C-alpha cells in the first residue's frame, strides 16, 4: 500500500500546473494580448510577437492545456480566448496559498522557543 501522506492536494497540483504555464515571459505576453481582445487566431499572436508560428502554437497549446485559454477550431482559423474565469480562479488560489504560507509562518514562530 502506498503512503499518500506526502502527496500534494489536488488544488496544489492545479495551482502549480497553471503557474507553470505562466512561468514564461512569452506566455505572459500572449495572455496579455489575448486578454485585450475578444478573440484571436494564432496568426494575430504571431504578428504581435514576431515569433515563428510553430513557437506561438506551442505556447498557446500549453496555455490551453493549463485551462487559461480556450480554443475553438473554426474555419478558416482557430480562435483563442483568454479564460477570465480561470484567471480569476488562479488569482484566488494563489491568494489563498500566500495567506496559508503567512499563517504557517506565524504558527511556526509562535511554536519556537528562545534558547533552543
PDB file of N, CA and C in Angstrom:
ATOM      1  N   UNK A   1       0.834  -1.174   0.000  1.00  0.00           N
ATOM      2  CA  UNK A   1       0.000   0.000   0.000  1.00  0.00           C
ATOM      3  C   UNK A   1       0.884   1.244   0.000  1.00  0.00           C
ATOM      4  N   UNK A   2       0.547   2.227  -0.848  1.00  0.00           N
ATOM      5  CA  UNK A   2       1.325   3.451  -0.963  1.00  0.00           C
ATOM      6  C   UNK A   2       0.927   4.444   0.124  1.00  0.00           C
ATOM      7  N   UNK A   3       1.913   5.181   0.581  1.00  0.00           N
ATOM      8  CA  UNK A   3       1.682   6.213   1.584  1.00  0.00           C
ATOM      9  C   UNK A   3       1.338   7.514   0.869  1.00  0.00           C
ATOM     10  N   UNK A   4       0.115   8.022   1.071  1.00  0.00           N
ATOM     11  CA  UNK A   4      -0.321   9.264   0.437  1.00  0.00           C
ATOM     12  C   UNK A   4      -0.068  10.488   1.303  1.00  0.00           C
ATOM     13  N   UNK A   5       0.649  10.318   2.405  1.00  0.00           N
ATOM     14  CA  UNK A   5       0.888  11.424   3.325  1.00  0.00           C
ATOM     15  C   UNK A   5       1.681  12.549   2.672  1.00  0.00           C
ATOM     16  N   UNK A   6       2.516  12.231   1.704  1.00  0.00           N
ATOM     17  CA  UNK A   6       3.364  13.244   1.077  1.00  0.00           C
ATOM     18  C   UNK A   6       2.859  13.706  -0.284  1.00  0.00           C
ATOM     19  N   UNK A   7       1.708  13.221  -0.674  1.00  0.00           N
ATOM     20  CA  UNK A   7       1.139  13.626  -1.957  1.00  0.00           C
ATOM     21  C   UNK A   7       0.443  14.982  -1.794  1.00  0.00           C
ATOM     22  N   UNK A   8       0.785  15.953  -2.672  1.00  0.00           N
ATOM     23  CA  UNK A   8       0.147  17.269  -2.542  1.00  0.00           C
ATOM     24  C   UNK A   8      -1.341  17.203  -2.871  1.00  0.00           C
ATOM     25  N   UNK A   9      -2.141  18.044  -2.225  1.00  0.00           N
ATOM     26  CA  UNK A   9      -3.575  18.078  -2.536  1.00  0.00           C
ATOM     27  C   UNK A   9      -3.800  18.458  -3.996  1.00  0.00           C
ATOM     28  N   UNK A  10      -4.943  18.061  -4.527  1.00  0.00           N
ATOM     29  CA  UNK A  10      -5.269  18.335  -5.933  1.00  0.00           C
ATOM     30  C   UNK A  10      -5.229  19.832  -6.230  1.00  0.00           C
ATOM     31  N   UNK A  11      -5.647  20.657  -5.281  1.00  0.00           N
ATOM     32  CA  UNK A  11      -5.639  22.099  -5.516  1.00  0.00           C
ATOM     33  C   UNK A  11      -4.207  22.601  -5.700  1.00  0.00           C
ATOM     34  N   UNK A  12      -3.242  22.008  -4.979  1.00  0.00           N
ATOM     35  CA  UNK A  12      -1.840  22.391  -5.146  1.00  0.00           C
ATOM     36  C   UNK A  12      -1.338  22.023  -6.539  1.00  0.00           C
ATOM     37  N   UNK A  13      -1.715  20.838  -7.004  1.00  0.00           N
ATOM     38  CA  UNK A  13      -1.303  20.407  -8.341  1.00  0.00           C
ATOM     39  C   UNK A  13      -1.918  21.312  -9.408  1.00  0.00           C
ATOM     40  N   UNK A  14      -3.168  21.674  -9.209  1.00  0.00           N
ATOM     41  CA  UNK A  14      -3.872  22.552 -10.147  1.00  0.00           C
ATOM     42  C   UNK A  14      -3.203  23.930 -10.190  1.00  0.00           C
ATOM     43  N   UNK A  15      -2.906  24.480  -9.024  1.00  0.00           N
ATOM     44  CA  UNK A  15      -2.227  25.772  -8.928  1.00  0.00           C
ATOM     45  C   UNK A  15      -0.850  25.699  -9.578  1.00  0.00           C
ATOM     46  N   UNK A  16      -0.091  24.666  -9.277  1.00  0.00           N
ATOM     47  CA  UNK A  16       1.256  24.513  -9.838  1.00  0.00           C
ATOM     48  C   UNK A  16       1.221  24.410 -11.359  1.00  0.00           C
ATOM     49  N   UNK A  17       0.258  23.667 -11.892  1.00  0.00           N
ATOM     50  CA  UNK A  17       0.154  23.499 -13.347  1.00  0.00           C
ATOM     51  C   UNK A  17      -0.119  24.845 -14.027  1.00  0.00           C
ATOM     52  N   UNK A  18      -1.009  25.630 -13.434  1.00  0.00           N
ATOM     53  CA  UNK A  18      -1.332  26.930 -14.030  1.00  0.00           C
ATOM     54  C   UNK A  18      -0.190  27.926 -13.881  1.00  0.00           C
ATOM     55  N   UNK A  19       0.449  27.921 -12.732  1.00  0.00           N
ATOM     56  CA  UNK A  19       1.591  28.829 -12.549  1.00  0.00           C
ATOM     57  C   UNK A  19       2.734  28.454 -13.487  1.00  0.00           C
ATOM     58  N   UNK A  20       2.932  27.159 -13.665  1.00  0.00           N
ATOM     59  CA  UNK A  20       3.975  26.698 -14.583  1.00  0.00           C
ATOM     60  C   UNK A  20       3.700  27.182 -16.010  1.00  0.00           C
ATOM     61  N   UNK A  21       2.442  27.149 -16.403  1.00  0.00           N
ATOM     62  CA  UNK A  21       2.080  27.613 -17.753  1.00  0.00           C
ATOM     63  C   UNK A  21       2.376  29.100 -17.917  1.00  0.00           C
ATOM     64  N   UNK A  22       2.288  29.851 -16.837  1.00  0.00           N
ATOM     65  CA  UNK A  22       2.549  31.293 -16.910  1.00  0.00           C
ATOM     66  C   UNK A  22       4.013  31.644 -16.646  1.00  0.00           C
ATOM     67  N   UNK A  23       4.821  30.658 -16.340  1.00  0.00           N
ATOM     68  CA  UNK A  23       6.212  30.896 -15.946  1.00  0.00           C
ATOM     69  C   UNK A  23       7.146  31.074 -17.138  1.00  0.00           C
ATOM     70  N   UNK A  24       6.670  31.726 -18.151  1.00  0.00           N
ATOM     71  CA  UNK A  24       7.495  32.026 -19.326  1.00  0.00           C
ATOM     72  C   UNK A  24       7.083  33.412 -19.826  1.00  0.00           C
ATOM     73  N   UNK A  25       8.037  34.293 -20.034  1.00  0.00           N
ATOM     74  CA  UNK A  25       7.690  35.661 -20.460  1.00  0.00           C
ATOM     75  C   UNK A  25       6.842  35.729 -21.732  1.00  0.00           C
ATOM     76  N   UNK A  26       7.091  34.835 -22.666  1.00  0.00           N
ATOM     77  CA  UNK A  26       6.302  34.845 -23.903  1.00  0.00           C
ATOM     78  C   UNK A  26       4.845  34.498 -23.621  1.00  0.00           C
ATOM     79  N   UNK A  27       4.606  33.510 -22.745  1.00  0.00           N
ATOM     80  CA  UNK A  27       3.231  33.143 -22.433  1.00  0.00           C
ATOM     81  C   UNK A  27       2.521  34.249 -21.657  1.00  0.00           C
ATOM     82  N   UNK A  28       3.238  34.968 -20.813  1.00  0.00           N
ATOM     83  CA  UNK A  28       2.643  36.128 -20.134  1.00  0.00           C
ATOM     84  C   UNK A  28       2.217  37.168 -21.166  1.00  0.00           C
ATOM     85  N   UNK A  29       3.074  37.400 -22.142  1.00  0.00           N
ATOM     86  CA  UNK A  29       2.763  38.372 -23.194  1.00  0.00           C
ATOM     87  C   UNK A  29       1.561  37.900 -24.025  1.00  0.00           C
ATOM     88  N   UNK A  30       1.509  36.623 -24.327  1.00  0.00           N
ATOM     89  CA  UNK A  30       0.378  36.069 -25.077  1.00  0.00           C
ATOM     90  C   UNK A  30      -0.912  36.253 -24.282  1.00  0.00           C
ATOM     91  N   UNK A  31      -0.867  35.982 -22.984  1.00  0.00           N
ATOM     92  CA  UNK A  31      -2.065  36.155 -22.155  1.00  0.00           C
ATOM     93  C   UNK A  31      -2.539  37.609 -22.192  1.00  0.00           C
ATOM     94  N   UNK A  32      -1.617  38.551 -22.091  1.00  0.00           N
ATOM     95  CA  UNK A  32      -1.998  39.967 -22.141  1.00  0.00           C
ATOM     96  C   UNK A  32      -2.581  40.322 -23.505  1.00  0.00           C
ATOM     97  N   UNK A  33      -2.006  39.775 -24.546  1.00  0.00           N
ATOM     98  CA  UNK A  33      -2.507  40.020 -25.906  1.00  0.00           C
ATOM     99  C   UNK A  33      -3.932  39.480 -26.050  1.00  0.00           C
ATOM    100  N   UNK A  34      -4.150  38.247 -25.591  1.00  0.00           N
ATOM    101  CA  UNK A  34      -5.478  37.645 -25.696  1.00  0.00           C
ATOM    102  C   UNK A  34      -6.493  38.376 -24.818  1.00  0.00           C
ATOM    103  N   UNK A  35      -6.069  38.796 -23.647  1.00  0.00           N
ATOM    104  CA  UNK A  35      -6.984  39.468 -22.718  1.00  0.00           C
ATOM    105  C   UNK A  35      -7.469  40.812 -23.260  1.00  0.00           C
ATOM    106  N   UNK A  36      -6.705  41.414 -24.131  1.00  0.00           N
ATOM    107  CA  UNK A  36      -7.062  42.730 -24.668  1.00  0.00           C
ATOM    108  C   UNK A  36      -8.014  42.649 -25.862  1.00  0.00           C
ATOM    109  N   UNK A  37      -8.371  41.423 -26.273  1.00  0.00           N
ATOM    110  CA  UNK A  37      -9.218  41.230 -27.446  1.00  0.00           C
ATOM    111  C   UNK A  37     -10.306  40.197 -27.150  1.00  0.00           C
ATOM    112  N   UNK A  38     -11.415  40.300 -27.856  1.00  0.00           N
ATOM    113  CA  UNK A  38     -12.456  39.284 -27.636  1.00  0.00           C
ATOM    114  C   UNK A  38     -12.016  37.886 -28.095  1.00  0.00           C
ATOM    115  N   UNK A  39     -11.193  37.832 -29.146  1.00  0.00           N
ATOM    116  CA  UNK A  39     -10.701  36.557 -29.676  1.00  0.00           C
ATOM    117  C   UNK A  39      -9.549  36.829 -30.630  1.00  0.00           C
ATOM    118  N   UNK A  40      -8.700  35.824 -30.798  1.00  0.00           N
ATOM    119  CA  UNK A  40      -7.547  35.925 -31.699  1.00  0.00           C
ATOM    120  C   UNK A  40      -7.317  34.597 -32.394  1.00  0.00           C
ATOM    121  N   UNK A  41      -6.701  34.672 -33.537  1.00  0.00           N
ATOM    122  CA  UNK A  41      -6.191  33.459 -34.164  1.00  0.00           C
ATOM    123  C   UNK A  41      -4.678  33.444 -33.926  1.00  0.00           C
ATOM    124  N   UNK A  42      -4.055  32.326 -34.173  1.00  0.00           N
ATOM    125  CA  UNK A  42      -2.624  32.177 -33.937  1.00  0.00           C
ATOM    126  C   UNK A  42      -1.831  33.218 -34.748  1.00  0.00           C
ATOM    127  N   UNK A  43      -2.274  33.481 -35.963  1.00  0.00           N
ATOM    128  CA  UNK A  43      -1.578  34.436 -36.830  1.00  0.00           C
ATOM    129  C   UNK A  43      -1.512  35.825 -36.184  1.00  0.00           C
ATOM    130  N   UNK A  44      -2.593  36.244 -35.516  1.00  0.00           N
ATOM    131  CA  UNK A  44      -2.599  37.545 -34.842  1.00  0.00           C
ATOM    132  C   UNK A  44      -1.520  37.608 -33.765  1.00  0.00           C
ATOM    133  N   UNK A  45      -1.373  36.530 -33.029  1.00  0.00           N
ATOM    134  CA  UNK A  45      -0.373  36.488 -31.960  1.00  0.00           C
ATOM    135  C   UNK A  45       1.028  36.458 -32.561  1.00  0.00           C
ATOM    136  N   UNK A  46       1.204  35.713 -33.635  1.00  0.00           N
ATOM    137  CA  UNK A  46       2.498  35.635 -34.319  1.00  0.00           C
ATOM    138  C   UNK A  46       2.937  37.030 -34.764  1.00  0.00           C
ATOM    139  N   UNK A  47       2.026  37.781 -35.359  1.00  0.00           N
ATOM    140  CA  UNK A  47       2.352  39.127 -35.837  1.00  0.00           C
ATOM    141  C   UNK A  47       2.711  40.063 -34.690  1.00  0.00           C
ATOM    142  N   UNK A  48       2.050  39.899 -33.576  1.00  0.00           N
ATOM    143  CA  UNK A  48       2.304  40.743 -32.411  1.00  0.00           C
ATOM    144  C   UNK A  48       3.671  40.447 -31.786  1.00  0.00           C
ATOM    145  N   UNK A  49       4.040  39.175 -31.744  1.00  0.00           N
ATOM    146  CA  UNK A  49       5.267  38.767 -31.053  1.00  0.00           C
ATOM    147  C   UNK A  49       6.467  38.618 -31.959  1.00  0.00           C
ATOM    148  N   UNK A  50       6.252  38.571 -33.244  1.00  0.00           N
ATOM    149  CA  UNK A  50       7.334  38.366 -34.201  1.00  0.00           C
ATOM    150  C   UNK A  50       8.114  37.083 -33.893  1.00  0.00           C
ATOM    151  N   UNK A  51       7.361  36.017 -33.644  1.00  0.00           N
ATOM    152  CA  UNK A  51       7.933  34.691 -33.419  1.00  0.00           C
ATOM    153  C   UNK A  51       7.416  33.744 -34.490  1.00  0.00           C
ATOM    154  N   UNK A  52       8.077  32.625 -34.634  1.00  0.00           N
ATOM    155  CA  UNK A  52       7.633  31.613 -35.598  1.00  0.00           C
ATOM    156  C   UNK A  52       6.256  31.088 -35.196  1.00  0.00           C
ATOM    157  N   UNK A  53       5.458  30.761 -36.186  1.00  0.00           N
ATOM    158  CA  UNK A  53       4.110  30.245 -35.937  1.00  0.00           C
ATOM    159  C   UNK A  53       4.160  28.991 -35.081  1.00  0.00           C
ATOM    160  N   UNK A  54       5.132  28.122 -35.322  1.00  0.00           N
ATOM    161  CA  UNK A  54       5.227  26.879 -34.549  1.00  0.00           C
ATOM    162  C   UNK A  54       5.531  27.167 -33.075  1.00  0.00           C
ATOM    163  N   UNK A  55       6.328  28.186 -32.817  1.00  0.00           N
ATOM    164  CA  UNK A  55       6.650  28.566 -31.436  1.00  0.00           C
ATOM    165  C   UNK A  55       5.417  29.095 -30.725  1.00  0.00           C
ATOM    166  N   UNK A  56       4.688  29.975 -31.394  1.00  0.00           N
ATOM    167  CA  UNK A  56       3.468  30.538 -30.810  1.00  0.00           C
ATOM    168  C   UNK A  56       2.441  29.437 -30.585  1.00  0.00           C
ATOM    169  N   UNK A  57       2.305  28.534 -31.535  1.00  0.00           N
ATOM    170  CA  UNK A  57       1.361  27.413 -31.389  1.00  0.00           C
ATOM    171  C   UNK A  57       1.684  26.573 -30.164  1.00  0.00           C
ATOM    172  N   UNK A  58       2.958  26.317 -29.937  1.00  0.00           N
ATOM    173  CA  UNK A  58       3.359  25.520 -28.771  1.00  0.00           C
ATOM    174  C   UNK A  58       3.011  26.251 -27.474  1.00  0.00           C
ATOM    175  N   UNK A  59       3.279  27.549 -27.419  1.00  0.00           N
ATOM    176  CA  UNK A  59       2.938  28.332 -26.228  1.00  0.00           C
ATOM    177  C   UNK A  59       1.420  28.355 -26.007  1.00  0.00           C
ATOM    178  N   UNK A  60       0.664  28.526 -27.069  1.00  0.00           N
ATOM    179  CA  UNK A  60      -0.798  28.522 -26.952  1.00  0.00           C
ATOM    180  C   UNK A  60      -1.298  27.167 -26.453  1.00  0.00           C
ATOM    181  N   UNK A  61      -0.705  26.104 -26.955  1.00  0.00           N
ATOM    182  CA  UNK A  61      -1.089  24.749 -26.533  1.00  0.00           C
ATOM    183  C   UNK A  61      -0.896  24.584 -25.021  1.00  0.00           C
ATOM    184  N   UNK A  62       0.203  25.073 -24.497  1.00  0.00           N
ATOM    185  CA  UNK A  62       0.479  24.972 -23.060  1.00  0.00           C
ATOM    186  C   UNK A  62      -0.562  25.754 -22.262  1.00  0.00           C
ATOM    187  N   UNK A  63      -0.907  26.947 -22.740  1.00  0.00           N
ATOM    188  CA  UNK A  63      -1.911  27.769 -22.058  1.00  0.00           C
ATOM    189  C   UNK A  63      -3.294  27.122 -22.113  1.00  0.00           C
ATOM    190  N   UNK A  64      -3.619  26.501 -23.234  1.00  0.00           N
ATOM    191  CA  UNK A  64      -4.903  25.800 -23.375  1.00  0.00           C
ATOM    192  C   UNK A  64      -4.941  24.597 -22.435  1.00  0.00           C
ATOM    193  N   UNK A  65      -3.867  23.802 -22.419  1.00  0.00           N
ATOM    194  CA  UNK A  65      -3.817  22.615 -21.562  1.00  0.00           C
ATOM    195  C   UNK A  65      -3.905  22.977 -20.075  1.00  0.00           C
ATOM    196  N   UNK A  66      -3.405  24.151 -19.726  1.00  0.00           N
ATOM    197  CA  UNK A  66      -3.471  24.604 -18.329  1.00  0.00           C
ATOM    198  C   UNK A  66      -4.847  25.170 -17.989  1.00  0.00           C
ATOM    199  N   UNK A  67      -5.684  25.343 -19.005  1.00  0.00           N
ATOM    200  CA  UNK A  67      -7.034  25.846 -18.773  1.00  0.00           C
ATOM    201  C   UNK A  67      -7.129  27.357 -18.665  1.00  0.00           C
ATOM    202  N   UNK A  68      -6.094  28.058 -19.097  1.00  0.00           N
ATOM    203  CA  UNK A  68      -6.096  29.516 -19.019  1.00  0.00           C
ATOM    204  C   UNK A  68      -6.580  30.186 -20.297  1.00  0.00           C
ATOM    205  N   UNK A  69      -6.596  29.421 -21.373  1.00  0.00           N
ATOM    206  CA  UNK A  69      -7.027  29.905 -22.687  1.00  0.00           C
ATOM    207  C   UNK A  69      -7.992  28.880 -23.267  1.00  0.00           C
ATOM    208  N   UNK A  70      -9.049  29.375 -23.899  1.00  0.00           N
ATOM    209  CA  UNK A  70      -9.962  28.469 -24.592  1.00  0.00           C
ATOM    210  C   UNK A  70      -9.597  28.433 -26.072  1.00  0.00           C
ATOM    211  N   UNK A  71      -9.869  27.310 -26.681  1.00  0.00           N
ATOM    212  CA  UNK A  71      -9.542  27.080 -28.087  1.00  0.00           C
ATOM    213  C   UNK A  71     -10.782  26.545 -28.774  1.00  0.00           C
ATOM    214  N   UNK A  72     -11.117  27.164 -29.884  1.00  0.00           N
ATOM    215  CA  UNK A  72     -12.262  26.695 -30.652  1.00  0.00           C
ATOM    216  C   UNK A  72     -11.859  26.649 -32.123  1.00  0.00           C
ATOM    217  N   UNK A  73     -11.805  25.439 -32.688  1.00  0.00           N
ATOM    218  CA  UNK A  73     -11.463  25.347 -34.103  1.00  0.00           C
ATOM    219  C   UNK A  73     -12.616  25.859 -34.965  1.00  0.00           C
ATOM    220  N   UNK A  74     -12.365  26.907 -35.693  1.00  0.00           N
ATOM    221  CA  UNK A  74     -13.355  27.482 -36.607  1.00  0.00           C
ATOM    222  C   UNK A  74     -12.693  27.665 -37.964  1.00  0.00           C
ATOM    223  N   UNK A  75     -13.449  27.457 -38.996  1.00  0.00           N
ATOM    224  CA  UNK A  75     -12.900  27.638 -40.340  1.00  0.00           C
ATOM    225  C   UNK A  75     -12.949  29.105 -40.718  1.00  0.00           C
ATOM    226  N   UNK A  76     -11.956  29.659 -41.328  1.00  0.00           N
ATOM    227  CA  UNK A  76     -10.700  29.029 -41.729  1.00  0.00           C
ATOM    228  C   UNK A  76      -9.623  29.075 -40.644  1.00  0.00           C
ATOM    229  N   UNK A  77      -9.894  29.741 -39.514  1.00  0.00           N
ATOM    230  CA  UNK A  77      -8.865  29.873 -38.480  1.00  0.00           C
ATOM    231  C   UNK A  77      -9.407  29.420 -37.132  1.00  0.00           C
ATOM    232  N   UNK A  78      -8.525  28.889 -36.315  1.00  0.00           N
ATOM    233  CA  UNK A  78      -8.889  28.533 -34.947  1.00  0.00           C
ATOM    234  C   UNK A  78      -8.869  29.792 -34.091  1.00  0.00           C
ATOM    235  N   UNK A  79      -9.751  29.838 -33.102  1.00  0.00           N
ATOM    236  CA  UNK A  79      -9.903  31.027 -32.275  1.00  0.00           C
ATOM    237  C   UNK A  79      -9.457  30.728 -30.847  1.00  0.00           C
ATOM    238  N   UNK A  80      -8.679  31.634 -30.304  1.00  0.00           N
ATOM    239  CA  UNK A  80      -8.203  31.539 -28.925  1.00  0.00           C
ATOM    240  C   UNK A  80      -8.757  32.711 -28.132  1.00  0.00           C
ATOM    241  N   UNK A  81      -9.118  32.430 -26.870  1.00  0.00           N
ATOM    242  CA  UNK A  81      -9.630  33.470 -25.976  1.00  0.00           C
ATOM    243  C   UNK A  81      -9.031  33.268 -24.591  1.00  0.00           C
ATOM    244  N   UNK A  82      -8.728  34.375 -23.925  1.00  0.00           N
ATOM    245  CA  UNK A  82      -8.330  34.286 -22.524  1.00  0.00           C
ATOM    246  C   UNK A  82      -9.551  33.834 -21.724  1.00  0.00           C
ATOM    247  N   UNK A  83      -9.350  32.923 -20.799  1.00  0.00           N
ATOM    248  CA  UNK A  83     -10.438  32.453 -19.942  1.00  0.00           C
ATOM    249  C   UNK A  83     -10.384  33.256 -18.644  1.00  0.00           C
ATOM    250  N   UNK A  84     -11.188  34.307 -18.583  1.00  0.00           N
ATOM    251  CA  UNK A  84     -11.153  35.215 -17.439  1.00  0.00           C
ATOM    252  C   UNK A  84     -11.625  34.554 -16.148  1.00  0.00           C
ATOM    253  N   UNK A  85     -12.534  33.590 -16.248  1.00  0.00           N
ATOM    254  CA  UNK A  85     -12.956  32.856 -15.055  1.00  0.00           C
ATOM    255  C   UNK A  85     -11.795  32.030 -14.498  1.00  0.00           C
ATOM    256  N   UNK A  86     -11.028  31.417 -15.399  1.00  0.00           N
ATOM    257  CA  UNK A  86      -9.868  30.631 -14.962  1.00  0.00           C
ATOM    258  C   UNK A  86      -8.813  31.534 -14.337  1.00  0.00           C
ATOM    259  N   UNK A  87      -8.605  32.706 -14.919  1.00  0.00           N
ATOM    260  CA  UNK A  87      -7.636  33.656 -14.358  1.00  0.00           C
ATOM    261  C   UNK A  87      -8.075  34.146 -12.979  1.00  0.00           C
ATOM    262  N   UNK A  88      -9.363  34.402 -12.823  1.00  0.00           N
ATOM    263  CA  UNK A  88      -9.880  34.823 -11.514  1.00  0.00           C
ATOM    264  C   UNK A  88      -9.711  33.696 -10.493  1.00  0.00           C
ATOM    265  N   UNK A  89      -9.970  32.468 -10.918  1.00  0.00           N
ATOM    266  CA  UNK A  89      -9.778  31.320 -10.039  1.00  0.00           C
ATOM    267  C   UNK A  89      -8.320  31.149  -9.639  1.00  0.00           C
ATOM    268  N   UNK A  90      -7.416  31.369 -10.598  1.00  0.00           N
ATOM    269  CA  UNK A  90      -5.992  31.293 -10.310  1.00  0.00           C
ATOM    270  C   UNK A  90      -5.596  32.364  -9.298  1.00  0.00           C
ATOM    271  N   UNK A  91      -6.126  33.545  -9.473  1.00  0.00           N
ATOM    272  CA  UNK A  91      -5.840  34.640  -8.548  1.00  0.00           C
ATOM    273  C   UNK A  91      -6.290  34.279  -7.133  1.00  0.00           C
ATOM    274  N   UNK A  92      -7.469  33.710  -7.015  1.00  0.00           N
ATOM    275  CA  UNK A  92      -7.989  33.303  -5.715  1.00  0.00           C
ATOM    276  C   UNK A  92      -7.139  32.192  -5.110  1.00  0.00           C
ATOM    277  N   UNK A  93      -6.804  31.181  -5.920  1.00  0.00           N
ATOM    278  CA  UNK A  93      -5.979  30.079  -5.417  1.00  0.00           C
ATOM    279  C   UNK A  93      -4.621  30.575  -4.948  1.00  0.00           C
ATOM    280  N   UNK A  94      -4.030  31.482  -5.722  1.00  0.00           N
ATOM    281  CA  UNK A  94      -2.710  31.982  -5.348  1.00  0.00           C
ATOM    282  C   UNK A  94      -2.793  32.839  -4.082  1.00  0.00           C
ATOM    283  N   UNK A  95      -3.820  33.655  -3.977  1.00  0.00           N
ATOM    284  CA  UNK A  95      -4.021  34.457  -2.760  1.00  0.00           C
ATOM    285  C   UNK A  95      -4.199  33.558  -1.541  1.00  0.00           C
ATOM    286  N   UNK A  96      -4.988  32.498  -1.697  1.00  0.00           N
ATOM    287  CA  UNK A  96      -5.188  31.540  -0.600  1.00  0.00           C
ATOM    288  C   UNK A  96      -3.866  30.868  -0.226  1.00  0.00           C
ATOM    289  N   UNK A  97      -3.080  30.542  -1.221  1.00  0.00           N
ATOM    290  CA  UNK A  97      -1.777  29.918  -0.985  1.00  0.00           C
ATOM    291  C   UNK A  97      -0.862  30.853  -0.202  1.00  0.00           C
ATOM    292  N   UNK A  98      -0.788  32.096  -0.634  1.00  0.00           N
ATOM    293  CA  UNK A  98       0.058  33.077   0.057  1.00  0.00           C
ATOM    294  C   UNK A  98      -0.413  33.266   1.493  1.00  0.00           C
ATOM    295  N   UNK A  99      -1.710  33.356   1.677  1.00  0.00           N
ATOM    296  CA  UNK A  99      -2.252  33.525   3.030  1.00  0.00           C
ATOM    297  C   UNK A  99      -1.950  32.315   3.901  1.00  0.00           C
ATOM    298  N   UNK A 100      -2.026  31.114   3.330  1.00  0.00           N
ATOM    299  CA  UNK A 100      -1.720  29.912   4.117  1.00  0.00           C
ATOM    300  C   UNK A 100      -0.240  29.887   4.504  1.00  0.00           C
ATOM    301  N   UNK A 101       0.622  30.387   3.645  1.00  0.00           N
ATOM    302  CA  UNK A 101       2.047  30.467   3.975  1.00  0.00           C
ATOM    303  C   UNK A 101       2.277  31.472   5.101  1.00  0.00           C
ATOM    304  N   UNK A 102       1.586  32.588   5.006  1.00  0.00           N
ATOM    305  CA  UNK A 102       1.729  33.604   6.050  1.00  0.00           C
ATOM    306  C   UNK A 102       1.204  33.079   7.386  1.00  0.00           C
ATOM    307  N   UNK A 103       0.108  32.347   7.362  1.00  0.00           N
ATOM    308  CA  UNK A 103      -0.451  31.766   8.587  1.00  0.00           C
ATOM    309  C   UNK A 103       0.492  30.722   9.164  1.00  0.00           C
ATOM    310  N   UNK A 104       1.078  29.904   8.302  1.00  0.00           N
ATOM    311  CA  UNK A 104       2.014  28.871   8.752  1.00  0.00           C
ATOM    312  C   UNK A 104       3.244  29.513   9.375  1.00  0.00           C
ATOM    313  N   UNK A 105       3.694  30.614   8.800  1.00  0.00           N
ATOM    314  CA  UNK A 105       4.861  31.316   9.342  1.00  0.00           C
ATOM    315  C   UNK A 105       4.568  31.813  10.759  1.00  0.00           C
ATOM    316  N   UNK A 106       3.403  32.375  10.964  1.00  0.00           N
ATOM    317  CA  UNK A 106       3.029  32.873  12.284  1.00  0.00           C
ATOM    318  C   UNK A 106       2.968  31.745  13.296  1.00  0.00           C
ATOM    319  N   UNK A 107       2.411  30.613  12.883  1.00  0.00           N
ATOM    320  CA  UNK A 107       2.325  29.462  13.790  1.00  0.00           C
ATOM    321  C   UNK A 107       3.713  28.942  14.128  1.00  0.00           C
ATOM    322  N   UNK A 108       4.575  28.846  13.122  1.00  0.00           N
ATOM    323  CA  UNK A 108       5.925  28.335  13.342  1.00  0.00           C
ATOM    324  C   UNK A 108       6.692  29.224  14.300  1.00  0.00           C
ATOM    325  N   UNK A 109       6.553  30.524  14.156  1.00  0.00           N
ATOM    326  CA  UNK A 109       7.268  31.456  15.017  1.00  0.00           C
ATOM    327  C   UNK A 109       6.760  31.360  16.461  1.00  0.00           C
ATOM    328  N   UNK A 110       5.475  31.142  16.654  1.00  0.00           N
ATOM    329  CA  UNK A 110       4.903  31.028  17.999  1.00  0.00           C
ATOM    330  C   UNK A 110       5.374  29.731  18.664  1.00  0.00           C
ATOM    331  N   UNK A 111       5.548  28.687  17.878  1.00  0.00           N
ATOM    332  CA  UNK A 111       5.940  27.384  18.424  1.00  0.00           C
ATOM    333  C   UNK A 111       7.412  27.325  18.798  1.00  0.00           C
ATOM    334  N   UNK A 112       8.206  28.237  18.254  1.00  0.00           N
ATOM    335  CA  UNK A 112       9.646  28.225  18.520  1.00  0.00           C
ATOM    336  C   UNK A 112       9.912  28.851  19.893  1.00  0.00           C
ATOM    337  N   UNK A 113      10.744  28.214  20.666  1.00  0.00           N
ATOM    338  CA  UNK A 113      11.097  28.798  21.958  1.00  0.00           C
ATOM    339  C   UNK A 113      12.503  29.366  21.899  1.00  0.00           C
ATOM    340  N   UNK A 114      12.712  30.452  22.606  1.00  0.00           N
ATOM    341  CA  UNK A 114      14.008  31.125  22.620  1.00  0.00           C
ATOM    342  C   UNK A 114      14.986  30.276  23.418  1.00  0.00           C
ATOM    343  N   UNK A 115      16.208  30.174  22.923  1.00  0.00           N
ATOM    344  CA  UNK A 115      17.246  29.473  23.651  1.00  0.00           C
ATOM    345  C   UNK A 115      17.376  28.003  23.299  1.00  0.00           C
ATOM    346  N   UNK A 116      16.580  27.510  22.331  1.00  0.00           N
ATOM    347  CA  UNK A 116      16.700  26.091  21.948  1.00  0.00           C
ATOM    348  C   UNK A 116      17.925  25.869  21.116  1.00  0.00           C
TER     349      UNK A 116
END
